[in-house]
C-alpha atoms as a PDB file:
ATOM      1  CA  MET A   1      -5.754   7.175  10.793  1.00  0.00           C
ATOM      2  CA  ARG A   2      -8.319   8.074   8.108  1.00  0.00           C
ATOM      3  CA  SER A   3      -8.295   8.487   4.355  1.00  0.00           C
ATOM      4  CA  LEU A   4     -11.308  10.385   3.030  1.00  0.00           C
ATOM      5  CA  ALA A   5     -12.329  10.955  -0.595  1.00  0.00           C
ATOM      6  CA  PRO A   6     -15.220   8.883  -1.938  1.00  0.00           C
ATOM      7  CA  GLY A   7     -15.391   9.013  -5.735  1.00  0.00           C
ATOM      8  CA  ARG A   8     -12.139  10.936  -6.098  1.00  0.00           C
ATOM      9  CA  THR A   9      -8.567   9.946  -6.844  1.00  0.00           C
ATOM     10  CA  GLN A  10      -7.038  12.366  -4.344  1.00  0.00           C
ATOM     11  CA  GLY A  11      -7.888  12.622  -0.698  1.00  0.00           C
ATOM     12  CA  THR A  12      -6.733  13.539   2.758  1.00  0.00           C
ATOM     13  CA  LEU A  13      -5.047  11.256   5.237  1.00  0.00           C
ATOM     14  CA  ARG A  14      -5.474  12.186   8.875  1.00  0.00           C
ATOM     15  CA  CYS A  15      -3.074  10.763  11.447  1.00  0.00           C
ATOM     16  CA  GLY A  16      -3.470  12.372  14.840  1.00  0.00           C
ATOM     17  CA  ASN A  17      -3.017  16.093  14.247  1.00  0.00           C
ATOM     18  CA  LEU A  18      -1.446  15.541  10.808  1.00  0.00           C
ATOM     19  CA  VAL A  19      -3.613  16.279   7.768  1.00  0.00           C
ATOM     20  CA  LEU A  20      -1.846  15.188   4.592  1.00  0.00           C
ATOM     21  CA  PRO A  21      -2.762  15.015   0.907  1.00  0.00           C
ATOM     22  CA  CYS A  22      -2.795  11.527  -0.574  1.00  0.00           C
ATOM     23  CA  ALA A  23      -3.426   9.771  -3.862  1.00  0.00           C
ATOM     24  CA  LEU A  24      -6.082   7.075  -4.118  1.00  0.00           C
ATOM     25  CA  GLY A  25      -6.960   4.523  -6.755  1.00  0.00           C
ATOM     26  CA  ARG A  26      -7.913   5.606 -10.277  1.00  0.00           C
ATOM     27  CA  GLY A  27     -11.288   3.979  -9.593  1.00  0.00           C
ATOM     28  CA  GLY A  28     -11.939   6.047  -6.446  1.00  0.00           C
ATOM     29  CA  ILE A  29     -13.039   4.230  -3.294  1.00  0.00           C
ATOM     30  CA  THR A  30     -15.251   1.158  -3.480  1.00  0.00           C
ATOM     31  CA  SER A  31     -16.984  -1.320  -1.202  1.00  0.00           C
ATOM     32  CA  ARG A  32     -16.885  -3.929  -3.995  1.00  0.00           C
ATOM     33  CA  LYS A  33     -13.191  -4.228  -4.735  1.00  0.00           C
ATOM     34  CA  ARG A  34     -12.159  -6.543  -7.592  1.00  0.00           C
ATOM     35  CA  GLU A  35      -8.750  -7.417  -9.019  1.00  0.00           C
ATOM     36  CA  GLY A  36      -7.714  -4.869 -11.626  1.00  0.00           C
ATOM     37  CA  ASP A  37     -10.495  -2.307 -10.985  1.00  0.00           C
ATOM     38  CA  GLY A  38      -8.013   0.335  -9.810  1.00  0.00           C
ATOM     39  CA  ALA A  39     -10.149   1.216  -6.783  1.00  0.00           C
ATOM     40  CA  THR A  40      -9.089   1.707  -3.179  1.00  0.00           C
ATOM     41  CA  PRO A  41     -11.089  -0.593  -0.892  1.00  0.00           C
ATOM     42  CA  ARG A  42     -13.376   1.002   1.698  1.00  0.00           C
ATOM     43  CA  GLY A  43     -13.002  -0.411   5.215  1.00  0.00           C
ATOM     44  CA  VAL A  44     -10.890  -0.603   8.349  1.00  0.00           C
ATOM     45  CA  TYR A  45      -7.476  -2.255   7.991  1.00  0.00           C
ATOM     46  CA  ARG A  46      -4.295  -3.007   9.899  1.00  0.00           C
ATOM     47  CA  LEU A  47      -0.976  -1.874   8.520  1.00  0.00           C
ATOM     48  CA  GLU A  48       0.687  -5.281   8.670  1.00  0.00           C
ATOM     49  CA  SER A  49       4.319  -4.653   7.807  1.00  0.00           C
ATOM     50  CA  GLY A  50       6.439  -2.937   5.215  1.00  0.00           C
ATOM     51  CA  TYR A  51       9.599  -2.680   3.182  1.00  0.00           C
ATOM     52  CA  PHE A  52      12.171   0.016   2.500  1.00  0.00           C
ATOM     53  CA  ARG A  53      14.931   0.378  -0.103  1.00  0.00           C
ATOM     54  CA  PRO A  54      18.186   0.149   1.879  1.00  0.00           C
ATOM     55  CA  ASP A  55      20.269   1.360  -1.073  1.00  0.00           C
ATOM     56  CA  ARG A  56      18.335   4.643  -1.165  1.00  0.00           C
ATOM     57  CA  HIS A  57      17.257   5.304   2.433  1.00  0.00           C
ATOM     58  CA  ARG A  58      17.989   4.185   5.932  1.00  0.00           C
ATOM     59  CA  ARG A  59      15.299   2.309   7.840  1.00  0.00           C
ATOM     60  CA  PRO A  60      12.475   4.735   8.726  1.00  0.00           C
ATOM     61  CA  GLN A  61      11.633   5.291  12.382  1.00  0.00           C
ATOM     62  CA  THR A  62       8.478   3.312  13.154  1.00  0.00           C
ATOM     63  CA  ALA A  63       7.038   0.719  15.496  1.00  0.00           C
ATOM     64  CA  LEU A  64       5.838  -1.281  12.469  1.00  0.00           C
ATOM     65  CA  ARG A  65       7.759  -4.324  11.293  1.00  0.00           C
ATOM     66  CA  LEU A  66       9.853  -3.187   8.297  1.00  0.00           C
ATOM     67  CA  ALA A  67      12.261  -5.276   6.247  1.00  0.00           C
ATOM     68  CA  ALA A  68      14.835  -4.223   3.697  1.00  0.00           C
ATOM     69  CA  THR A  69      13.475  -4.756   0.186  1.00  0.00           C
ATOM     70  CA  GLN A  70      15.373  -7.439  -1.716  1.00  0.00           C
ATOM     71  CA  ARG A  71      15.888  -7.285  -5.479  1.00  0.00           C
ATOM     72  CA  ASP A  72      13.864 -10.485  -5.966  1.00  0.00           C
ATOM     73  CA  GLY A  73      10.910  -9.416  -3.778  1.00  0.00           C
ATOM     74  CA  GLY A  74       7.456  -9.507  -5.293  1.00  0.00           C
ATOM     75  CA  TRP A  75       3.740  -9.617  -4.518  1.00  0.00           C
ATOM     76  CA  CYS A  76       1.499 -12.109  -6.330  1.00  0.00           C
ATOM     77  CA  ASP A  77      -1.530 -10.615  -8.094  1.00  0.00           C
ATOM     78  CA  ALA A  78      -2.560 -13.763 -10.010  1.00  0.00           C
ATOM     79  CA  ALA A  79      -6.024 -14.519  -8.604  1.00  0.00           C
ATOM     80  CA  ASP A  80      -5.826 -18.270  -9.334  1.00  0.00           C
ATOM     81  CA  ASP A  81      -2.413 -18.756  -7.753  1.00  0.00           C
ATOM     82  CA  ARG A  82      -2.019 -20.309  -4.282  1.00  0.00           C
ATOM     83  CA  ASN A  83       0.132 -17.306  -3.272  1.00  0.00           C
ATOM     84  CA  TYR A  84      -2.433 -14.709  -4.368  1.00  0.00           C
ATOM     85  CA  ASN A  85      -1.995 -11.473  -2.416  1.00  0.00           C
ATOM     86  CA  CYS A  86       1.178 -12.722  -0.722  1.00  0.00           C
ATOM     87  CA  PHE A  87       4.886 -11.980  -0.830  1.00  0.00           C
ATOM     88  CA  VAL A  88       6.783 -14.059  -3.429  1.00  0.00           C
ATOM     89  CA  ARG A  89      10.283 -14.151  -4.897  1.00  0.00           C
ATOM     90  CA  HIS A  90      11.119 -13.418  -8.539  1.00  0.00           C
ATOM     91  CA  PRO A  91      11.374 -14.993 -10.955  1.00  0.00           C
ATOM     92  CA  TYR A  92       7.831 -16.127 -10.192  1.00  0.00           C
ATOM     93  CA  PRO A  93       5.848 -18.276 -12.642  1.00  0.00           C
ATOM     94  CA  GLU A  94       2.623 -16.246 -12.282  1.00  0.00           C
ATOM     95  CA  SER A  95       1.864 -12.525 -12.373  1.00  0.00           C
ATOM     96  CA  ALA A  96       3.587 -10.769  -9.465  1.00  0.00           C
ATOM     97  CA  GLU A  97       4.396  -7.145  -8.867  1.00  0.00           C
ATOM     98  CA  ARG A  98       8.039  -6.267  -8.237  1.00  0.00           C
ATOM     99  CA  LEU A  99       8.739  -4.555  -4.915  1.00  0.00           C
ATOM    100  CA  TRP A 100      12.193  -3.377  -6.084  1.00  0.00           C
ATOM    101  CA  ARG A 101      11.276  -0.511  -8.406  1.00  0.00           C
ATOM    102  CA  ASP A 102      13.345   2.099 -10.175  1.00  0.00           C
ATOM    103  CA  ASP A 103      10.658   4.816  -9.993  1.00  0.00           C
ATOM    104  CA  GLY A 104      10.880   5.307  -6.203  1.00  0.00           C
ATOM    105  CA  LEU A 105       7.207   4.533  -5.516  1.00  0.00           C
ATOM    106  CA  TYR A 106       8.107   1.575  -3.312  1.00  0.00           C
ATOM    107  CA  ASP A 107      11.135   3.125  -1.612  1.00  0.00           C
ATOM    108  CA  VAL A 108       8.894   2.733   1.436  1.00  0.00           C
ATOM    109  CA  VAL A 109       5.861   0.494   1.038  1.00  0.00           C
ATOM    110  CA  LEU A 110       3.442  -0.673   3.733  1.00  0.00           C
ATOM    111  CA  VAL A 111       1.216  -3.716   3.408  1.00  0.00           C
ATOM    112  CA  ILE A 112      -2.396  -2.759   4.099  1.00  0.00           C
ATOM    113  CA  GLY A 113      -4.275  -5.709   5.588  1.00  0.00           C
ATOM    114  CA  TYR A 114      -6.900  -5.792   2.842  1.00  0.00           C
ATOM    115  CA  ASN A 115      -7.945  -9.268   1.589  1.00  0.00           C
ATOM    116  CA  ARG A 116      -5.261 -10.985   3.627  1.00  0.00           C
ATOM    117  CA  ARG A 117      -7.008 -13.221   6.188  1.00  0.00           C
ATOM    118  CA  PRO A 118      -8.966 -14.823   4.701  1.00  0.00           C
ATOM    119  CA  ARG A 119      -7.897 -14.203   1.105  1.00  0.00           C
ATOM    120  CA  ARG A 120     -10.700 -14.141  -1.471  1.00  0.00           C
ATOM    121  CA  ARG A 121      -9.531 -14.884  -4.996  1.00  0.00           C
ATOM    122  CA  GLY A 122     -10.167 -12.000  -7.349  1.00  0.00           C
ATOM    123  CA  ALA A 123     -11.103  -9.573  -4.566  1.00  0.00           C
ATOM    124  CA  GLY A 124      -7.984  -7.438  -5.033  1.00  0.00           C
ATOM    125  CA  SER A 125      -4.312  -7.704  -4.161  1.00  0.00           C
ATOM    126  CA  ALA A 126      -1.210  -5.639  -3.504  1.00  0.00           C
ATOM    127  CA  ILE A 127      -3.059  -2.850  -1.697  1.00  0.00           C
ATOM    128  CA  PHE A 128      -0.245  -0.814  -0.215  1.00  0.00           C
ATOM    129  CA  MET A 129       0.571   2.576   1.255  1.00  0.00           C
ATOM    130  CA  HIS A 130       3.542   3.910  -0.679  1.00  0.00           C
ATOM    131  CA  VAL A 131       5.281   6.986  -2.099  1.00  0.00           C
ATOM    132  CA  ALA A 132       3.093   9.156  -4.358  1.00  0.00           C
ATOM    133  CA  LYS A 133       3.818  10.051  -7.965  1.00  0.00           C
ATOM    134  CA  ASP A 134       4.289  13.720  -8.817  1.00  0.00           C
ATOM    135  CA  GLY A 135       1.022  15.629  -8.511  1.00  0.00           C
ATOM    136  CA  TYR A 136      -0.562  12.782  -6.533  1.00  0.00           C
ATOM    137  CA  ALA A 137      -1.489  10.939  -9.714  1.00  0.00           C
ATOM    138  CA  PRO A 138      -3.938   8.063  -9.105  1.00  0.00           C
ATOM    139  CA  THR A 139      -2.703   4.671  -7.959  1.00  0.00           C
ATOM    140  CA  GLU A 140      -3.877   1.196  -8.949  1.00  0.00           C
ATOM    141  CA  GLY A 141      -5.855   0.991  -5.692  1.00  0.00           C
ATOM    142  CA  CYS A 142      -3.236   1.928  -3.123  1.00  0.00           C
ATOM    143  CA  ILE A 143      -2.917   4.993  -0.902  1.00  0.00           C
ATOM    144  CA  ALA A 144       0.141   7.123  -1.702  1.00  0.00           C
ATOM    145  CA  LEU A 145       1.790   9.991   0.162  1.00  0.00           C
ATOM    146  CA  ALA A 146       4.742  12.265  -0.469  1.00  0.00           C
ATOM    147  CA  TYR A 147       7.891  10.534   0.826  1.00  0.00           C
ATOM    148  CA  ALA A 148       8.410  13.080   3.643  1.00  0.00           C
ATOM    149  CA  ASP A 149       4.760  12.731   4.704  1.00  0.00           C
ATOM    150  CA  LEU A 150       4.998   8.936   4.679  1.00  0.00           C
ATOM    151  CA  LEU A 151       7.953   9.195   7.069  1.00  0.00           C
ATOM    152  CA  LYS A 152       5.924  11.462   9.378  1.00  0.00           C
ATOM    153  CA  VAL A 153       3.089   8.916   9.432  1.00  0.00           C
ATOM    154  CA  LEU A 154       5.460   6.007  10.040  1.00  0.00           C
ATOM    155  CA  ALA A 155       6.929   7.761  13.094  1.00  0.00           C
ATOM    156  CA  ARG A 156       3.439   7.992  14.634  1.00  0.00           C
ATOM    157  CA  ILE A 157       1.971   4.544  13.948  1.00  0.00           C
ATOM    158  CA  GLY A 158       2.444   0.978  15.147  1.00  0.00           C
ATOM    159  CA  PRO A 159       0.905  -2.494  15.029  1.00  0.00           C
ATOM    160  CA  ALA A 160      -2.289  -1.323  16.788  1.00  0.00           C
ATOM    161  CA  THR A 161      -2.920   1.455  14.238  1.00  0.00           C
ATOM    162  CA  ARG A 162      -6.004   1.049  12.046  1.00  0.00           C
ATOM    163  CA  LEU A 163      -6.429   2.634   8.635  1.00  0.00           C
ATOM    164  CA  ILE A 164     -10.009   3.743   7.997  1.00  0.00           C
ATOM    165  CA  VAL A 165     -10.933   4.321   4.353  1.00  0.00           C
ATOM    166  CA  VAL A 166     -14.336   6.019   3.942  1.00  0.00           C
END
């Protein structure tokens, strides 16, 4: 699977014979990712796992490990915290993104294996593949697809799939 669009906030995701539009970070693609820069990190990554909103959708068909999103689910983006770039539960004492969102962007959200093992503090967190905003508006560093396209990708990928961002 590839996502191509250096220097742009919209790109193309290729998955087998699928060619799909996607949104990228407001900072384009970078090899020097930093927390808060809004860029999508260049590299090759696993898609580790994901979450879906069970109150809005049934579990998507995929070989990836998916869990139902819980209302208290979060992802720590506080660079000095011991749980930086990890799942946490709200209320959380440090900065942590909420995975249960009203805007639909995380109705299906996949954890991209960026800065996970080992974790480098300040090198960027919460890099996901998720549902795109209208018009493929830029993300904060994630890769976003239309909901229907995300389901198509999920049906074709598994634990051995690698995401290549160039």
